[in-house]
Amino acid sequence: MLKTILKLVIKVLESKLQKSGLEEKIIKNKQYIDVAKQVWNVVEENFRITESVEKKLSSKAYEFDKMMMDKFPELSPTDVKELRQSIAG
Protein backbone atom coordinates (compact mmCIF):
# COMPACT_ATOMS: atom_id res chain seq x y z
CA MET A 1 0.00 0.00 0.00
CA LEU A 2 2.80 2.40 0.83
CA LYS A 3 4.42 1.61 -2.50
CA THR A 4 1.21 2.52 -4.34
CA ILE A 5 0.92 5.80 -2.44
CA LEU A 6 4.53 6.66 -3.22
CA LYS A 7 3.97 5.94 -6.92
CA LEU A 8 0.98 8.28 -6.93
CA VAL A 9 2.92 11.00 -5.13
CA ILE A 10 5.78 10.64 -7.61
CA LYS A 11 3.36 10.92 -10.54
CA VAL A 12 1.82 14.07 -9.07
CA LEU A 13 5.22 15.62 -8.47
CA GLU A 14 6.40 14.73 -11.97
CA SER A 15 3.31 16.28 -13.50
CA LYS A 16 3.86 19.47 -11.51
CA LEU A 17 7.45 19.64 -12.71
CA GLN A 18 6.48 19.34 -16.35
CA LYS A 19 5.91 22.70 -17.95
CA SER A 20 4.02 23.79 -21.04
CA GLY A 21 5.93 24.68 -24.21
CA LEU A 22 6.00 28.42 -23.50
CA GLU A 23 7.08 27.94 -19.90
CA GLU A 24 9.97 25.76 -21.04
CA LYS A 25 11.01 28.41 -23.56
CA ILE A 26 10.85 31.09 -20.89
CA ILE A 27 12.80 28.99 -18.42
CA LYS A 28 15.41 28.14 -21.07
CA ASN A 29 15.73 31.73 -22.15
CA LYS A 30 15.15 33.92 -19.11
CA GLN A 31 15.91 36.90 -21.29
CA TYR A 32 12.33 36.82 -22.63
CA ILE A 33 10.79 37.32 -19.21
CA ASP A 34 13.35 39.95 -18.18
CA VAL A 35 12.85 41.99 -21.34
CA ALA A 36 9.07 41.51 -21.11
CA LYS A 37 9.14 43.09 -17.64
CA GLN A 38 11.27 45.98 -18.91
CA VAL A 39 8.97 46.50 -21.90
CA TRP A 40 5.90 46.43 -19.67
CA ASN A 41 7.47 49.07 -17.41
CA VAL A 42 8.16 51.30 -20.44
CA VAL A 43 4.59 50.84 -21.65
CA GLU A 44 3.29 51.50 -18.13
CA GLU A 45 5.25 54.76 -18.02
CA ASN A 46 4.00 55.84 -21.46
CA PHE A 47 0.34 55.23 -20.58
CA ARG A 48 0.19 56.66 -17.07
CA ILE A 49 -2.54 59.17 -17.85
CA THR A 50 -5.43 58.16 -20.11
CA GLU A 51 -9.13 58.81 -20.48
CA SER A 52 -10.51 55.38 -19.65
CA VAL A 53 -9.39 52.06 -18.21
CA GLU A 54 -10.47 50.09 -21.31
CA LYS A 55 -8.56 52.39 -23.62
CA LYS A 56 -5.56 52.22 -21.32
CA LEU A 57 -5.51 48.42 -21.20
CA SER A 58 -6.03 47.91 -24.93
CA SER A 59 -3.43 50.54 -25.81
CA LYS A 60 -0.91 49.12 -23.35
CA ALA A 61 -1.48 45.59 -24.60
CA TYR A 62 -1.00 46.68 -28.22
CA GLU A 63 2.14 48.67 -27.40
CA PHE A 64 3.59 45.78 -25.35
CA ASP A 65 2.90 43.28 -28.16
CA LYS A 66 4.48 45.57 -30.74
CA MET A 67 7.63 46.19 -28.69
CA MET A 68 8.09 42.50 -27.83
CA MET A 69 7.66 41.46 -31.47
CA ASP A 70 10.28 44.06 -32.45
CA LYS A 71 12.73 42.72 -29.86
CA PHE A 72 11.98 39.01 -30.39
CA PRO A 73 10.64 38.34 -33.89
CA GLU A 74 10.97 34.59 -33.29
CA LEU A 75 8.09 34.70 -30.79
CA SER A 76 4.60 34.08 -32.07
CA PRO A 77 1.78 36.50 -31.22
CA THR A 78 0.39 33.82 -28.90
CA ASP A 79 3.73 33.61 -27.07
CA VAL A 80 3.78 37.38 -26.66
CA LYS A 81 0.18 37.38 -25.42
CA GLU A 82 1.00 34.71 -22.83
CA LEU A 83 4.09 36.63 -21.72
CA ARG A 84 1.95 39.77 -21.36
CA GLN A 85 -0.61 37.88 -19.31
CA SER A 86 2.09 36.50 -17.03
CA ILE A 87 3.66 39.93 -16.51
CA ALA A 88 0.61 42.18 -16.38
CA GLY A 89 -1.87 39.74 -14.91
C-alpha atoms as a PDB file:
ATOM      1  CA  MET A   1       0.000   0.000   0.000  1.00  0.00           C
ATOM      2  CA  LEU A   2       2.801   2.396   0.835  1.00  0.00           C
ATOM      3  CA  LYS A   3       4.423   1.611  -2.503  1.00  0.00           C
ATOM      4  CA  THR A   4       1.208   2.520  -4.338  1.00  0.00           C
ATOM      5  CA  ILE A   5       0.917   5.803  -2.445  1.00  0.00           C
ATOM      6  CA  LEU A   6       4.532   6.663  -3.221  1.00  0.00           C
ATOM      7  CA  LYS A   7       3.974   5.940  -6.918  1.00  0.00           C
ATOM      8  CA  LEU A   8       0.978   8.279  -6.932  1.00  0.00           C
ATOM      9  CA  VAL A   9       2.924  11.002  -5.129  1.00  0.00           C
ATOM     10  CA  ILE A  10       5.780  10.637  -7.610  1.00  0.00           C
ATOM     11  CA  LYS A  11       3.364  10.924 -10.542  1.00  0.00           C
ATOM     12  CA  VAL A  12       1.819  14.069  -9.073  1.00  0.00           C
ATOM     13  CA  LEU A  13       5.224  15.622  -8.471  1.00  0.00           C
ATOM     14  CA  GLU A  14       6.405  14.726 -11.970  1.00  0.00           C
ATOM     15  CA  SER A  15       3.306  16.277 -13.501  1.00  0.00           C
ATOM     16  CA  LYS A  16       3.858  19.467 -11.508  1.00  0.00           C
ATOM     17  CA  LEU A  17       7.451  19.637 -12.707  1.00  0.00           C
ATOM     18  CA  GLN A  18       6.481  19.342 -16.354  1.00  0.00           C
ATOM     19  CA  LYS A  19       5.912  22.705 -17.945  1.00  0.00           C
ATOM     20  CA  SER A  20       4.024  23.794 -21.041  1.00  0.00           C
ATOM     21  CA  GLY A  21       5.930  24.684 -24.210  1.00  0.00           C
ATOM     22  CA  LEU A  22       6.003  28.419 -23.495  1.00  0.00           C
ATOM     23  CA  GLU A  23       7.075  27.945 -19.899  1.00  0.00           C
ATOM     24  CA  GLU A  24       9.966  25.759 -21.044  1.00  0.00           C
ATOM     25  CA  LYS A  25      11.006  28.412 -23.563  1.00  0.00           C
ATOM     26  CA  ILE A  26      10.852  31.089 -20.890  1.00  0.00           C
ATOM     27  CA  ILE A  27      12.798  28.986 -18.421  1.00  0.00           C
ATOM     28  CA  LYS A  28      15.411  28.143 -21.067  1.00  0.00           C
ATOM     29  CA  ASN A  29      15.734  31.728 -22.152  1.00  0.00           C
ATOM     30  CA  LYS A  30      15.154  33.920 -19.106  1.00  0.00           C
ATOM     31  CA  GLN A  31      15.907  36.902 -21.287  1.00  0.00           C
ATOM     32  CA  TYR A  32      12.327  36.818 -22.630  1.00  0.00           C
ATOM     33  CA  ILE A  33      10.789  37.319 -19.208  1.00  0.00           C
ATOM     34  CA  ASP A  34      13.355  39.951 -18.177  1.00  0.00           C
ATOM     35  CA  VAL A  35      12.847  41.986 -21.341  1.00  0.00           C
ATOM     36  CA  ALA A  36       9.073  41.510 -21.111  1.00  0.00           C
ATOM     37  CA  LYS A  37       9.138  43.090 -17.641  1.00  0.00           C
ATOM     38  CA  GLN A  38      11.265  45.978 -18.911  1.00  0.00           C
ATOM     39  CA  VAL A  39       8.975  46.499 -21.897  1.00  0.00           C
ATOM     40  CA  TRP A  40       5.898  46.432 -19.665  1.00  0.00           C
ATOM     41  CA  ASN A  41       7.468  49.074 -17.410  1.00  0.00           C
ATOM     42  CA  VAL A  42       8.157  51.298 -20.436  1.00  0.00           C
ATOM     43  CA  VAL A  43       4.590  50.841 -21.653  1.00  0.00           C
ATOM     44  CA  GLU A  44       3.288  51.504 -18.132  1.00  0.00           C
ATOM     45  CA  GLU A  45       5.248  54.759 -18.020  1.00  0.00           C
ATOM     46  CA  ASN A  46       3.997  55.842 -21.455  1.00  0.00           C
ATOM     47  CA  PHE A  47       0.340  55.230 -20.576  1.00  0.00           C
ATOM     48  CA  ARG A  48       0.190  56.656 -17.073  1.00  0.00           C
ATOM     49  CA  ILE A  49      -2.543  59.172 -17.848  1.00  0.00           C
ATOM     50  CA  THR A  50      -5.434  58.156 -20.110  1.00  0.00           C
ATOM     51  CA  GLU A  51      -9.133  58.812 -20.481  1.00  0.00           C
ATOM     52  CA  SER A  52     -10.507  55.382 -19.650  1.00  0.00           C
ATOM     53  CA  VAL A  53      -9.395  52.064 -18.211  1.00  0.00           C
ATOM     54  CA  GLU A  54     -10.471  50.086 -21.307  1.00  0.00           C
ATOM     55  CA  LYS A  55      -8.555  52.388 -23.620  1.00  0.00           C
ATOM     56  CA  LYS A  56      -5.558  52.225 -21.322  1.00  0.00           C
ATOM     57  CA  LEU A  57      -5.506  48.424 -21.200  1.00  0.00           C
ATOM     58  CA  SER A  58      -6.025  47.913 -24.927  1.00  0.00           C
ATOM     59  CA  SER A  59      -3.429  50.544 -25.814  1.00  0.00           C
ATOM     60  CA  LYS A  60      -0.910  49.122 -23.351  1.00  0.00           C
ATOM     61  CA  ALA A  61      -1.480  45.587 -24.602  1.00  0.00           C
ATOM     62  CA  TYR A  62      -1.000  46.682 -28.215  1.00  0.00           C
ATOM     63  CA  GLU A  63       2.137  48.665 -27.397  1.00  0.00           C
ATOM     64  CA  PHE A  64       3.593  45.776 -25.353  1.00  0.00           C
ATOM     65  CA  ASP A  65       2.902  43.282 -28.163  1.00  0.00           C
ATOM     66  CA  LYS A  66       4.482  45.575 -30.737  1.00  0.00           C
ATOM     67  CA  MET A  67       7.630  46.193 -28.686  1.00  0.00           C
ATOM     68  CA  MET A  68       8.090  42.505 -27.831  1.00  0.00           C
ATOM     69  CA  MET A  69       7.663  41.456 -31.473  1.00  0.00           C
ATOM     70  CA  ASP A  70      10.281  44.058 -32.448  1.00  0.00           C
ATOM     71  CA  LYS A  71      12.732  42.722 -29.863  1.00  0.00           C
ATOM     72  CA  PHE A  72      11.982  39.008 -30.386  1.00  0.00           C
ATOM     73  CA  PRO A  73      10.640  38.345 -33.895  1.00  0.00           C
ATOM     74  CA  GLU A  74      10.968  34.590 -33.295  1.00  0.00           C
ATOM     75  CA  LEU A  75       8.090  34.699 -30.786  1.00  0.00           C
ATOM     76  CA  SER A  76       4.596  34.078 -32.066  1.00  0.00           C
ATOM     77  CA  PRO A  77       1.780  36.502 -31.220  1.00  0.00           C
ATOM     78  CA  THR A  78       0.392  33.817 -28.901  1.00  0.00           C
ATOM     79  CA  ASP A  79       3.728  33.606 -27.065  1.00  0.00           C
ATOM     80  CA  VAL A  80       3.778  37.382 -26.659  1.00  0.00           C
ATOM     81  CA  LYS A  81       0.183  37.385 -25.417  1.00  0.00           C
ATOM     82  CA  GLU A  82       1.003  34.710 -22.826  1.00  0.00           C
ATOM     83  CA  LEU A  83       4.089  36.635 -21.717  1.00  0.00           C
ATOM     84  CA  ARG A  84       1.954  39.772 -21.359  1.00  0.00           C
ATOM     85  CA  GLN A  85      -0.614  37.882 -19.306  1.00  0.00           C
ATOM     86  CA  SER A  86       2.090  36.498 -17.033  1.00  0.00           C
ATOM     87  CA  ILE A  87       3.657  39.930 -16.514  1.00  0.00           C
ATOM     88  CA  ALA A  88       0.605  42.179 -16.380  1.00  0.00           C
ATOM     89  CA  GLY A  89      -1.866  39.745 -14.908  1.00  0.00           C
END
